[in-house]
Amino acid sequence: MTTATITPYLFFSGRCEEAIEFYRAKLNAELEMLMRFSESPDPAPPGMLAPGYENKVMHASVKIQGVSLMMSDGCGEESSFDGFRLALTVPTEAEAHQAFDALAEGGSVQMPLSQTFWSPCYGMVTDRFNVGWMVMVPGEQTCS
């Protein structure tokens, strides 16, 4: 019997390969699979892809901290990552600082890492692809 799952699927408006490499370098993301539009067994319907998108990423899957994240370049439309954030929970303060600082490169910090009533080390950052993240540490540690 198959169980239901929810997996984030992000569309990067032509920057998917750049995003994959960024997350691999900064968050140790593991590339599980990648297929370009030109490799699809079924061609895209006429007019569906923006010109030049034939070699863009149709579908990719990465794992970050053991959690799958699916991504694509989309078909040429603009992406907007409004209304949600990805929550990245790491075991230590050092890992929180490393991930947070890496995600902030070329992005923007909305809330620096600090202690909150729900996490000893929590912060919000939007990366260079406009994906919002909440980075946090569970437990009794403190954030410096």
N, C-alpha and C. Protein backbone atom coordinates (compact mmCIF):
# COMPACT_ATOMS: atom_id res chain seq x y z
N MET A 1 0.83 -1.18 0.00
CA MET A 1 0.00 0.00 0.00
C MET A 1 0.88 1.25 0.00
N THR A 2 0.56 2.20 -0.85
CA THR A 2 1.31 3.44 -0.94
C THR A 2 0.78 4.45 0.07
N THR A 3 1.69 5.15 0.73
CA THR A 3 1.27 6.18 1.68
C THR A 3 1.39 7.55 1.00
N ALA A 4 0.60 8.48 1.45
CA ALA A 4 0.64 9.83 0.89
C ALA A 4 1.88 10.57 1.38
N THR A 5 2.41 11.43 0.54
CA THR A 5 3.55 12.26 0.91
C THR A 5 3.33 13.67 0.36
N ILE A 6 4.00 14.62 0.94
CA ILE A 6 4.05 15.97 0.40
C ILE A 6 5.53 16.30 0.21
N THR A 7 5.90 16.67 -1.01
CA THR A 7 7.27 17.02 -1.31
C THR A 7 7.28 18.38 -1.99
N PRO A 8 8.06 19.34 -1.49
CA PRO A 8 8.14 20.63 -2.17
C PRO A 8 8.67 20.46 -3.59
N TYR A 9 8.08 21.17 -4.54
CA TYR A 9 8.50 21.16 -5.94
C TYR A 9 8.69 22.61 -6.35
N LEU A 10 9.93 23.01 -6.56
CA LEU A 10 10.27 24.40 -6.82
C LEU A 10 10.62 24.61 -8.29
N PHE A 11 10.16 25.71 -8.86
CA PHE A 11 10.43 26.07 -10.26
C PHE A 11 11.32 27.30 -10.28
N PHE A 12 12.48 27.19 -10.94
CA PHE A 12 13.53 28.20 -10.86
C PHE A 12 13.67 29.10 -12.09
N SER A 13 12.70 29.14 -12.97
CA SER A 13 12.71 30.09 -14.10
C SER A 13 14.03 30.10 -14.86
N GLY A 14 14.53 28.93 -15.20
CA GLY A 14 15.75 28.85 -15.98
C GLY A 14 17.04 28.80 -15.18
N ARG A 15 16.95 28.82 -13.85
CA ARG A 15 18.15 28.82 -13.00
C ARG A 15 18.27 27.55 -12.16
N CYS A 16 17.59 26.49 -12.56
CA CYS A 16 17.56 25.27 -11.75
C CYS A 16 18.95 24.65 -11.59
N GLU A 17 19.69 24.55 -12.66
CA GLU A 17 21.02 23.94 -12.57
C GLU A 17 21.93 24.76 -11.64
N GLU A 18 21.82 26.07 -11.71
CA GLU A 18 22.57 26.95 -10.81
C GLU A 18 22.14 26.71 -9.36
N ALA A 19 20.83 26.57 -9.14
CA ALA A 19 20.31 26.31 -7.78
C ALA A 19 20.82 24.97 -7.25
N ILE A 20 20.80 23.96 -8.09
CA ILE A 20 21.28 22.64 -7.67
C ILE A 20 22.73 22.73 -7.22
N GLU A 21 23.56 23.37 -8.02
CA GLU A 21 24.98 23.49 -7.68
C GLU A 21 25.18 24.31 -6.41
N PHE A 22 24.39 25.37 -6.23
CA PHE A 22 24.46 26.18 -5.02
C PHE A 22 24.11 25.34 -3.79
N TYR A 23 23.01 24.60 -3.84
CA TYR A 23 22.59 23.79 -2.69
C TYR A 23 23.55 22.62 -2.46
N ARG A 24 24.15 22.10 -3.52
CA ARG A 24 25.16 21.05 -3.33
C ARG A 24 26.37 21.61 -2.59
N ALA A 25 26.84 22.79 -3.00
CA ALA A 25 28.03 23.38 -2.39
C ALA A 25 27.76 23.91 -0.98
N LYS A 26 26.60 24.50 -0.76
CA LYS A 26 26.34 25.19 0.51
C LYS A 26 25.63 24.33 1.55
N LEU A 27 24.79 23.37 1.11
CA LEU A 27 24.01 22.57 2.05
C LEU A 27 24.28 21.07 1.92
N ASN A 28 25.31 20.70 1.16
CA ASN A 28 25.62 19.28 0.94
C ASN A 28 24.46 18.52 0.32
N ALA A 29 23.67 19.19 -0.52
CA ALA A 29 22.56 18.51 -1.19
C ALA A 29 23.10 17.40 -2.07
N GLU A 30 22.38 16.29 -2.10
CA GLU A 30 22.75 15.15 -2.93
C GLU A 30 21.81 15.10 -4.13
N LEU A 31 22.37 15.15 -5.33
CA LEU A 31 21.56 15.05 -6.54
C LEU A 31 21.12 13.61 -6.72
N GLU A 32 19.82 13.39 -6.72
CA GLU A 32 19.28 12.04 -6.90
C GLU A 32 19.03 11.74 -8.37
N MET A 33 18.51 12.71 -9.10
CA MET A 33 18.29 12.52 -10.54
C MET A 33 18.09 13.87 -11.20
N LEU A 34 18.38 13.91 -12.51
CA LEU A 34 18.18 15.12 -13.30
C LEU A 34 17.84 14.69 -14.72
N MET A 35 16.78 15.28 -15.26
CA MET A 35 16.39 15.03 -16.65
C MET A 35 16.12 16.37 -17.33
N ARG A 36 16.72 16.55 -18.48
CA ARG A 36 16.50 17.76 -19.27
C ARG A 36 15.29 17.56 -20.19
N PHE A 37 14.70 18.66 -20.63
CA PHE A 37 13.56 18.55 -21.55
C PHE A 37 13.95 17.76 -22.79
N SER A 38 15.18 17.93 -23.29
CA SER A 38 15.63 17.22 -24.49
C SER A 38 15.77 15.72 -24.26
N GLU A 39 15.81 15.26 -23.01
CA GLU A 39 15.95 13.84 -22.70
C GLU A 39 14.62 13.15 -22.43
N SER A 40 13.54 13.89 -22.45
CA SER A 40 12.23 13.32 -22.15
C SER A 40 11.81 12.33 -23.22
N PRO A 41 11.23 11.18 -22.82
CA PRO A 41 10.75 10.23 -23.82
C PRO A 41 9.57 10.78 -24.62
N ASP A 42 8.86 11.73 -24.05
CA ASP A 42 7.76 12.40 -24.75
C ASP A 42 8.13 13.86 -24.92
N PRO A 43 8.11 14.37 -26.14
CA PRO A 43 8.45 15.79 -26.34
C PRO A 43 7.37 16.69 -25.74
N ALA A 44 7.80 17.89 -25.37
CA ALA A 44 6.85 18.88 -24.84
C ALA A 44 5.88 19.27 -25.95
N PRO A 45 4.62 19.50 -25.61
CA PRO A 45 3.67 19.95 -26.63
C PRO A 45 4.16 21.22 -27.32
N PRO A 46 3.85 21.39 -28.60
CA PRO A 46 4.30 22.59 -29.33
C PRO A 46 3.89 23.88 -28.60
N GLY A 47 4.85 24.79 -28.49
CA GLY A 47 4.59 26.08 -27.87
C GLY A 47 4.64 26.09 -26.35
N MET A 48 4.84 24.93 -25.72
CA MET A 48 4.85 24.87 -24.26
C MET A 48 6.14 25.43 -23.66
N LEU A 49 7.29 25.13 -24.30
CA LEU A 49 8.58 25.57 -23.78
C LEU A 49 8.99 26.91 -24.36
N ALA A 50 9.60 27.74 -23.53
CA ALA A 50 10.18 28.99 -24.02
C ALA A 50 11.34 28.66 -24.95
N PRO A 51 11.60 29.49 -25.94
CA PRO A 51 12.75 29.25 -26.83
C PRO A 51 14.04 29.11 -26.03
N GLY A 52 14.85 28.11 -26.37
CA GLY A 52 16.11 27.87 -25.68
C GLY A 52 16.01 27.01 -24.45
N TYR A 53 14.83 26.53 -24.11
CA TYR A 53 14.63 25.72 -22.91
C TYR A 53 14.83 24.22 -23.15
N GLU A 54 15.17 23.82 -24.35
CA GLU A 54 15.31 22.39 -24.65
C GLU A 54 16.32 21.69 -23.74
N ASN A 55 17.39 22.40 -23.38
CA ASN A 55 18.42 21.79 -22.53
C ASN A 55 18.32 22.22 -21.07
N LYS A 56 17.22 22.85 -20.71
CA LYS A 56 16.99 23.22 -19.32
C LYS A 56 16.49 22.00 -18.55
N VAL A 57 16.44 22.11 -17.23
CA VAL A 57 16.06 20.99 -16.36
C VAL A 57 14.54 20.83 -16.35
N MET A 58 14.08 19.68 -16.85
CA MET A 58 12.66 19.35 -16.81
C MET A 58 12.27 18.89 -15.40
N HIS A 59 13.12 18.04 -14.83
CA HIS A 59 12.86 17.52 -13.48
C HIS A 59 14.17 17.12 -12.83
N ALA A 60 14.30 17.48 -11.57
CA ALA A 60 15.45 17.05 -10.77
C ALA A 60 14.96 16.78 -9.36
N SER A 61 15.71 15.94 -8.67
CA SER A 61 15.42 15.64 -7.28
C SER A 61 16.73 15.69 -6.51
N VAL A 62 16.72 16.41 -5.39
CA VAL A 62 17.88 16.47 -4.51
C VAL A 62 17.43 16.11 -3.11
N LYS A 63 18.38 15.71 -2.30
CA LYS A 63 18.13 15.48 -0.87
C LYS A 63 18.98 16.46 -0.09
N ILE A 64 18.32 17.16 0.84
CA ILE A 64 19.01 18.06 1.76
C ILE A 64 18.68 17.57 3.16
N GLN A 65 19.72 17.21 3.92
CA GLN A 65 19.53 16.68 5.27
C GLN A 65 18.56 15.49 5.24
N GLY A 66 18.63 14.66 4.19
CA GLY A 66 17.81 13.46 4.10
C GLY A 66 16.39 13.69 3.60
N VAL A 67 16.03 14.93 3.28
CA VAL A 67 14.67 15.24 2.82
C VAL A 67 14.70 15.56 1.33
N SER A 68 13.80 14.94 0.57
CA SER A 68 13.74 15.16 -0.87
C SER A 68 13.11 16.50 -1.20
N LEU A 69 13.65 17.12 -2.22
CA LEU A 69 13.16 18.38 -2.75
C LEU A 69 13.19 18.23 -4.27
N MET A 70 12.06 18.45 -4.93
CA MET A 70 12.02 18.35 -6.38
C MET A 70 12.12 19.75 -6.96
N MET A 71 12.70 19.84 -8.16
CA MET A 71 12.89 21.14 -8.79
C MET A 71 12.94 21.03 -10.30
N SER A 72 12.71 22.18 -10.94
CA SER A 72 12.66 22.25 -12.40
C SER A 72 12.95 23.69 -12.81
N ASP A 73 13.27 23.86 -14.09
CA ASP A 73 13.36 25.20 -14.65
C ASP A 73 11.98 25.73 -15.00
N GLY A 74 10.97 24.86 -15.03
CA GLY A 74 9.66 25.27 -15.50
C GLY A 74 9.69 25.35 -17.01
N CYS A 75 8.74 26.03 -17.59
CA CYS A 75 8.65 26.11 -19.06
C CYS A 75 8.94 27.50 -19.58
N GLY A 76 9.48 28.37 -18.75
CA GLY A 76 9.83 29.71 -19.18
C GLY A 76 9.10 30.79 -18.41
N GLU A 77 8.14 30.40 -17.58
CA GLU A 77 7.40 31.39 -16.80
C GLU A 77 8.25 31.87 -15.62
N GLU A 78 7.93 33.05 -15.11
CA GLU A 78 8.63 33.59 -13.95
C GLU A 78 8.20 32.84 -12.69
N SER A 79 9.13 32.64 -11.78
CA SER A 79 8.84 31.98 -10.51
C SER A 79 8.71 33.00 -9.41
N SER A 80 7.83 32.72 -8.49
CA SER A 80 7.66 33.55 -7.31
C SER A 80 7.51 32.60 -6.13
N PHE A 81 8.40 32.70 -5.18
CA PHE A 81 8.36 31.81 -4.03
C PHE A 81 7.73 32.52 -2.83
N ASP A 82 6.57 33.10 -3.05
CA ASP A 82 5.87 33.83 -2.00
C ASP A 82 4.96 32.89 -1.22
N GLY A 83 4.75 33.20 0.05
CA GLY A 83 3.77 32.50 0.85
C GLY A 83 4.24 31.25 1.55
N PHE A 84 5.53 30.92 1.46
CA PHE A 84 6.05 29.76 2.18
C PHE A 84 7.54 29.91 2.40
N ARG A 85 8.07 29.13 3.30
CA ARG A 85 9.51 29.01 3.53
C ARG A 85 9.82 27.54 3.74
N LEU A 86 11.02 27.15 3.42
CA LEU A 86 11.50 25.81 3.74
C LEU A 86 12.13 25.87 5.12
N ALA A 87 11.74 24.95 5.99
CA ALA A 87 12.27 24.90 7.35
C ALA A 87 13.41 23.89 7.40
N LEU A 88 14.61 24.38 7.69
CA LEU A 88 15.80 23.53 7.78
C LEU A 88 16.21 23.42 9.24
N THR A 89 16.03 22.23 9.82
CA THR A 89 16.40 21.98 11.20
C THR A 89 17.71 21.21 11.20
N VAL A 90 18.70 21.74 11.90
CA VAL A 90 20.02 21.11 12.00
C VAL A 90 20.32 20.85 13.47
N PRO A 91 21.20 19.88 13.77
CA PRO A 91 21.40 19.48 15.16
C PRO A 91 22.23 20.43 16.03
N THR A 92 23.07 21.27 15.43
CA THR A 92 23.96 22.09 16.25
C THR A 92 23.94 23.55 15.83
N GLU A 93 24.36 24.40 16.76
CA GLU A 93 24.48 25.83 16.48
C GLU A 93 25.48 26.08 15.35
N ALA A 94 26.59 25.36 15.37
CA ALA A 94 27.61 25.55 14.32
C ALA A 94 27.02 25.25 12.94
N GLU A 95 26.24 24.18 12.83
CA GLU A 95 25.61 23.84 11.55
C GLU A 95 24.57 24.88 11.16
N ALA A 96 23.86 25.42 12.14
CA ALA A 96 22.87 26.47 11.84
C ALA A 96 23.57 27.70 11.27
N HIS A 97 24.66 28.11 11.89
CA HIS A 97 25.40 29.28 11.39
C HIS A 97 25.96 29.01 9.99
N GLN A 98 26.50 27.82 9.77
CA GLN A 98 27.07 27.49 8.45
C GLN A 98 25.98 27.54 7.39
N ALA A 99 24.86 26.89 7.63
CA ALA A 99 23.77 26.85 6.64
C ALA A 99 23.18 28.24 6.43
N PHE A 100 22.93 28.96 7.50
CA PHE A 100 22.35 30.30 7.43
C PHE A 100 23.25 31.24 6.63
N ASP A 101 24.53 31.27 6.98
CA ASP A 101 25.47 32.15 6.29
C ASP A 101 25.59 31.78 4.81
N ALA A 102 25.59 30.49 4.51
CA ALA A 102 25.68 30.05 3.12
C ALA A 102 24.45 30.48 2.34
N LEU A 103 23.26 30.30 2.91
CA LEU A 103 22.03 30.68 2.23
C LEU A 103 21.94 32.20 2.05
N ALA A 104 22.54 32.95 2.95
CA ALA A 104 22.49 34.41 2.88
C ALA A 104 23.39 34.98 1.78
N GLU A 105 24.36 34.19 1.28
CA GLU A 105 25.27 34.67 0.23
C GLU A 105 24.46 35.01 -1.02
N GLY A 106 24.42 36.28 -1.36
CA GLY A 106 23.66 36.72 -2.53
C GLY A 106 22.17 36.85 -2.25
N GLY A 107 21.76 36.60 -1.02
CA GLY A 107 20.36 36.70 -0.64
C GLY A 107 20.16 37.81 0.37
N SER A 108 19.16 37.64 1.26
CA SER A 108 18.88 38.66 2.26
C SER A 108 18.42 38.01 3.56
N VAL A 109 18.79 38.63 4.66
CA VAL A 109 18.44 38.14 6.00
C VAL A 109 17.21 38.90 6.48
N GLN A 110 16.17 38.16 6.85
CA GLN A 110 14.98 38.79 7.43
C GLN A 110 15.05 38.79 8.95
N MET A 111 15.65 37.75 9.53
CA MET A 111 15.80 37.66 10.98
C MET A 111 17.11 36.94 11.27
N PRO A 112 18.10 37.63 11.85
CA PRO A 112 19.36 36.97 12.16
C PRO A 112 19.14 35.80 13.13
N LEU A 113 20.06 34.87 13.12
CA LEU A 113 19.97 33.75 14.06
C LEU A 113 19.98 34.28 15.49
N SER A 114 18.99 33.85 16.26
CA SER A 114 18.90 34.26 17.66
C SER A 114 18.01 33.27 18.40
N GLN A 115 17.98 33.40 19.70
CA GLN A 115 17.15 32.53 20.53
C GLN A 115 15.71 33.02 20.48
N THR A 116 14.77 32.07 20.39
CA THR A 116 13.34 32.38 20.43
C THR A 116 12.71 31.48 21.48
N PHE A 117 11.43 31.67 21.73
CA PHE A 117 10.77 30.80 22.70
C PHE A 117 10.58 29.39 22.17
N TRP A 118 10.67 29.18 20.86
CA TRP A 118 10.48 27.84 20.29
C TRP A 118 11.77 27.19 19.82
N SER A 119 12.85 27.95 19.76
CA SER A 119 14.12 27.38 19.31
C SER A 119 15.27 28.14 19.96
N PRO A 120 16.29 27.43 20.38
CA PRO A 120 17.45 28.10 20.95
C PRO A 120 18.28 28.85 19.91
N CYS A 121 18.06 28.55 18.62
CA CYS A 121 18.83 29.20 17.55
C CYS A 121 17.99 29.15 16.28
N TYR A 122 17.40 30.31 15.92
CA TYR A 122 16.45 30.37 14.81
C TYR A 122 16.68 31.65 14.02
N GLY A 123 16.56 31.55 12.68
CA GLY A 123 16.65 32.74 11.84
C GLY A 123 15.94 32.52 10.52
N MET A 124 15.64 33.63 9.84
CA MET A 124 14.99 33.58 8.53
C MET A 124 15.86 34.28 7.50
N VAL A 125 16.01 33.63 6.35
CA VAL A 125 16.84 34.14 5.27
C VAL A 125 16.19 33.78 3.94
N THR A 126 16.37 34.64 2.96
CA THR A 126 15.92 34.36 1.60
C THR A 126 17.18 34.23 0.74
N ASP A 127 17.32 33.12 0.03
CA ASP A 127 18.54 32.88 -0.74
C ASP A 127 18.52 33.64 -2.06
N ARG A 128 19.58 33.50 -2.84
CA ARG A 128 19.73 34.24 -4.10
C ARG A 128 18.69 33.87 -5.15
N PHE A 129 17.96 32.78 -4.92
CA PHE A 129 16.91 32.37 -5.86
C PHE A 129 15.53 32.81 -5.40
N ASN A 130 15.50 33.58 -4.33
CA ASN A 130 14.27 34.09 -3.71
C ASN A 130 13.48 33.02 -2.97
N VAL A 131 14.15 31.91 -2.60
CA VAL A 131 13.53 30.87 -1.79
C VAL A 131 13.74 31.25 -0.32
N GLY A 132 12.66 31.31 0.45
CA GLY A 132 12.73 31.63 1.86
C GLY A 132 13.04 30.41 2.70
N TRP A 133 13.89 30.58 3.68
CA TRP A 133 14.31 29.50 4.58
C TRP A 133 14.14 29.94 6.03
N MET A 134 13.81 29.00 6.88
CA MET A 134 13.88 29.16 8.33
C MET A 134 14.90 28.13 8.81
N VAL A 135 15.98 28.59 9.38
CA VAL A 135 17.03 27.70 9.86
C VAL A 135 16.92 27.66 11.38
N MET A 136 16.93 26.45 11.93
CA MET A 136 16.75 26.34 13.38
C MET A 136 17.45 25.12 13.96
N VAL A 137 17.64 25.19 15.28
CA VAL A 137 18.23 24.11 16.07
C VAL A 137 17.21 23.71 17.12
N PRO A 138 16.93 22.43 17.25
CA PRO A 138 16.02 22.00 18.33
C PRO A 138 16.78 21.84 19.64
N GLY A 139 16.09 21.73 20.73
CA GLY A 139 16.73 21.37 22.00
C GLY A 139 17.10 22.53 22.88
N GLU A 140 18.09 22.27 23.74
CA GLU A 140 18.43 23.19 24.82
C GLU A 140 19.67 24.05 24.52
N GLN A 141 20.21 24.01 23.33
CA GLN A 141 21.39 24.79 23.03
C GLN A 141 21.04 26.27 22.98
N THR A 142 22.05 27.13 23.06
CA THR A 142 21.81 28.56 22.90
C THR A 142 22.51 29.06 21.65
N CYS A 143 22.03 30.15 21.12
CA CYS A 143 22.57 30.70 19.88
C CYS A 143 23.45 31.90 20.21
N SER A 144 24.66 31.88 19.70
CA SER A 144 25.55 33.02 19.95
C SER A 144 25.92 33.70 18.66
